[in-house]
Amino acid sequence: MARNIVFLGIKHCGKSTHGKLLAARLKREFFDTDDLLVAYYRRKYSPDTEDISPRWIMRQHGEEFFRRTEAETVLEFLQNNPAGGSVLALGGGVPENRFLTPQNIKSLGVLVHLVIDPEIAYSRVLAGGVPPFLAGDDPHGKFMDMARARMQKYSLLADLQINIPADTGADHLNNLIFEQLVKNGFLSL
């Protein structure tokens, strides 16, 4: 059975966009840990709450609860998808979640790090408003520090790194991703 293809990278690098495009191309099911987290939270804690998002969960319960719930969500995905064959987009903080081991992350599948200029990602983050993890003084500095630390972690975990240039169309980039997965033996034609 085919292994999962798992996208990791800093917030707003294109994990979900490219995950959906690749899943459609490969005729595989697509999952996003943000969506899985919301579904898990609803099932376990609050089935009737509307308008839940990862940001909402973080604001309501704090980072410790959020990271525990995120880890439970990832472990549930691993348990429910042991055969692989899906495409998964990881939330930006999943690889740094202290409730998950590097082996948990590696077990998810082929890890593809989408490398983007942090300044571009930051401008995309701000388009949705300042998230709770950047609240307070100097959100730009916090984001840049977080991006540097996370990108280092992603590089250590990744099976494949793909640079995402600015102002390149999603279809073109997705072709590049597909070609790199084939070239490196993670997919076959």
Protein backbone atom coordinates (compact mmCIF):
# COMPACT_ATOMS: atom_id res chain seq x y z
CA MET A 1 0.00 0.00 0.00
CA ALA A 2 1.18 3.53 -0.71
CA ARG A 3 2.52 5.61 2.15
CA ASN A 4 0.82 8.82 3.20
CA ILE A 5 2.25 12.01 1.73
CA VAL A 6 2.47 14.52 4.59
CA PHE A 7 3.05 18.24 4.12
CA LEU A 8 4.75 20.20 6.86
CA GLY A 9 5.89 23.80 7.01
CA ILE A 10 5.26 27.11 8.69
CA LYS A 11 1.79 28.55 8.87
CA HIS A 12 0.45 29.63 5.48
CA CYS A 13 3.16 28.01 3.37
CA GLY A 14 0.57 26.19 1.25
CA LYS A 15 0.27 22.79 2.95
CA SER A 16 -3.51 22.54 2.57
CA THR A 17 -3.58 24.00 -0.94
CA HIS A 18 -0.92 21.66 -2.24
CA GLY A 19 -2.24 18.74 -0.22
CA LYS A 20 -5.67 19.05 -1.81
CA LEU A 21 -4.23 19.43 -5.31
CA LEU A 22 -1.92 16.43 -4.89
CA ALA A 23 -4.68 14.30 -3.36
CA ALA A 24 -6.95 15.06 -6.32
CA ARG A 25 -4.15 14.24 -8.76
CA LEU A 26 -3.36 10.94 -7.00
CA LYS A 27 -7.03 10.13 -6.32
CA ARG A 28 -6.30 9.91 -2.60
CA GLU A 29 -8.22 11.17 0.38
CA PHE A 30 -7.03 14.49 1.81
CA PHE A 31 -6.88 15.31 5.53
CA ASP A 32 -5.84 18.45 7.36
CA THR A 33 -4.93 18.20 11.04
CA ASP A 34 -6.72 21.52 11.66
CA ASP A 35 -9.99 19.96 10.42
CA LEU A 36 -9.29 16.71 12.26
CA LEU A 37 -8.62 18.68 15.46
CA VAL A 38 -11.94 20.51 15.22
CA ALA A 39 -13.83 17.25 14.56
CA TYR A 40 -12.04 15.53 17.45
CA TYR A 41 -12.81 18.44 19.79
CA ARG A 42 -16.48 18.36 18.83
CA ARG A 43 -16.73 14.61 19.41
CA LYS A 44 -14.92 14.64 22.73
CA TYR A 45 -15.85 17.96 24.34
CA SER A 46 -18.57 19.98 22.69
CA PRO A 47 -20.71 18.54 19.90
CA ASP A 48 -23.09 21.51 19.88
CA THR A 49 -20.54 24.32 19.69
CA GLU A 50 -20.61 26.14 16.36
CA ASP A 51 -17.83 28.12 14.71
CA ILE A 52 -15.01 26.12 16.25
CA SER A 53 -11.54 26.60 14.80
CA PRO A 54 -8.05 25.80 16.05
CA ARG A 55 -7.67 29.48 16.98
CA TRP A 56 -10.92 29.30 18.97
CA ILE A 57 -9.77 26.18 20.84
CA MET A 58 -6.45 27.87 21.70
CA ARG A 59 -8.20 31.04 22.90
CA GLN A 60 -10.78 29.14 24.97
CA HIS A 61 -8.48 26.60 26.59
CA GLY A 62 -4.88 27.78 26.29
CA GLU A 63 -1.84 26.25 24.65
CA GLU A 64 -1.36 23.26 26.98
CA PHE A 65 -4.89 21.95 26.31
CA PHE A 66 -4.55 22.75 22.61
CA ARG A 67 -1.30 20.82 22.22
CA ARG A 68 -2.62 17.81 24.15
CA THR A 69 -5.75 17.72 21.99
CA GLU A 70 -3.68 18.19 18.84
CA ALA A 71 -1.46 15.25 19.84
CA GLU A 72 -4.50 13.07 20.56
CA THR A 73 -5.84 13.99 17.12
CA VAL A 74 -2.60 13.02 15.35
CA LEU A 75 -2.36 9.74 17.28
CA GLU A 76 -5.98 8.96 16.39
CA PHE A 77 -5.16 9.59 12.71
CA LEU A 78 -2.24 7.16 12.96
CA GLN A 79 -4.49 4.56 14.57
CA ASN A 80 -7.29 4.97 12.01
CA ASN A 81 -5.05 5.12 8.92
CA PRO A 82 -2.42 2.44 9.47
CA ALA A 83 -2.27 1.43 5.81
CA GLY A 84 -1.50 4.90 4.49
CA GLY A 85 -2.40 6.08 1.02
CA SER A 86 -3.73 9.51 2.02
CA VAL A 87 -2.42 13.06 1.78
CA LEU A 88 -2.15 14.98 5.06
CA ALA A 89 -1.43 18.62 5.86
CA LEU A 90 0.05 19.10 9.34
CA GLY A 91 -0.64 22.16 11.43
CA GLY A 92 2.51 24.26 11.71
CA GLY A 93 3.10 23.38 15.35
CA VAL A 94 2.53 19.62 15.13
CA PRO A 95 6.22 18.72 14.63
CA GLU A 96 7.09 20.70 17.77
CA ASN A 97 4.26 19.33 19.89
CA ARG A 98 5.89 18.04 23.08
CA PHE A 99 3.17 15.41 23.44
CA LEU A 100 4.33 13.76 20.21
CA THR A 101 7.66 12.08 19.53
CA PRO A 102 9.68 12.49 16.34
CA GLN A 103 8.82 8.84 15.67
CA ASN A 104 5.09 9.67 15.87
CA ILE A 105 5.63 12.34 13.21
CA LYS A 106 7.84 10.11 11.01
CA SER A 107 5.22 7.34 11.25
CA LEU A 108 2.69 9.56 9.48
CA GLY A 109 4.30 8.96 6.09
CA VAL A 110 6.62 10.69 3.61
CA LEU A 111 7.30 14.11 5.12
CA VAL A 112 7.48 16.94 2.57
CA HIS A 113 8.70 20.26 3.95
CA LEU A 114 7.35 23.22 1.96
CA VAL A 115 9.98 25.93 2.44
CA ILE A 116 8.68 29.49 2.10
CA ASP A 117 10.08 32.91 2.89
CA PRO A 118 8.85 33.63 6.44
CA GLU A 119 8.01 37.24 5.48
CA ILE A 120 5.54 35.99 2.87
CA ALA A 121 4.02 33.58 5.37
CA TYR A 122 3.76 36.34 7.99
CA SER A 123 1.85 38.62 5.63
CA ARG A 124 -0.58 35.76 4.94
CA VAL A 125 -1.01 35.11 8.66
CA LEU A 126 -1.86 38.75 9.33
CA ALA A 127 -4.56 38.69 6.64
CA GLY A 128 -6.63 36.58 9.09
CA GLY A 129 -5.81 38.74 12.10
CA VAL A 130 -3.15 38.19 14.74
CA PRO A 131 -3.51 34.62 16.07
CA PRO A 132 -3.36 33.97 19.84
CA PHE A 133 0.15 32.52 19.72
CA LEU A 134 1.45 35.85 18.36
CA ALA A 135 -0.60 38.15 20.59
CA GLY A 136 1.19 40.82 22.61
CA ASP A 137 4.25 42.86 21.82
CA ASP A 138 6.11 42.33 18.55
CA PRO A 139 4.05 39.70 16.71
CA HIS A 140 6.45 39.99 13.75
CA GLY A 141 9.46 39.16 15.92
CA LYS A 142 7.60 36.28 17.58
CA PHE A 143 6.64 34.88 14.19
CA MET A 144 10.17 35.15 12.81
CA ASP A 145 11.67 33.46 15.88
CA MET A 146 9.03 30.72 15.72
CA ALA A 147 9.54 30.28 11.96
CA ARG A 148 13.32 29.89 12.33
CA ALA A 149 12.96 27.31 15.11
CA ARG A 150 10.22 25.37 13.35
CA MET A 151 11.91 25.38 9.97
CA GLN A 152 15.00 23.88 11.58
CA LYS A 153 12.84 21.13 13.12
CA TYR A 154 11.00 20.52 9.83
CA SER A 155 14.32 20.16 8.01
CA LEU A 156 15.45 17.48 10.46
CA LEU A 157 12.21 15.51 10.06
CA ALA A 158 11.60 15.93 6.32
CA ASP A 159 12.18 13.25 3.74
CA LEU A 160 12.00 15.91 1.03
CA GLN A 161 12.27 19.72 1.04
CA ILE A 162 10.73 21.84 -1.69
CA ASN A 163 11.34 25.57 -1.99
CA ILE A 164 8.15 27.51 -2.67
CA PRO A 165 9.07 30.60 -4.70
CA ALA A 166 6.97 33.74 -4.41
CA ASP A 167 4.39 34.52 -7.08
CA THR A 168 4.29 31.08 -8.67
CA GLY A 169 0.92 29.53 -9.49
CA ALA A 170 -0.40 26.67 -7.37
CA ASP A 171 -0.75 24.30 -10.35
CA HIS A 172 2.86 24.87 -11.42
CA LEU A 173 4.09 24.34 -7.86
CA ASN A 174 2.01 21.22 -7.50
CA ASN A 175 3.58 19.81 -10.67
CA LEU A 176 6.99 20.53 -9.14
CA ILE A 177 6.00 18.75 -5.92
CA PHE A 178 4.71 15.73 -7.85
CA GLU A 179 7.88 15.57 -9.97
CA GLN A 180 10.11 15.74 -6.89
CA LEU A 181 8.14 12.98 -5.16
CA VAL A 182 8.55 10.75 -8.24
CA LYS A 183 12.22 11.68 -8.78
CA ASN A 184 13.05 10.82 -5.15
CA GLY A 185 11.22 7.47 -5.26
CA PHE A 186 8.30 8.39 -3.00
CA LEU A 187 5.74 8.00 -5.81
CA SER A 188 5.76 5.94 -8.94
CA LEU A 189 4.17 6.86 -12.25
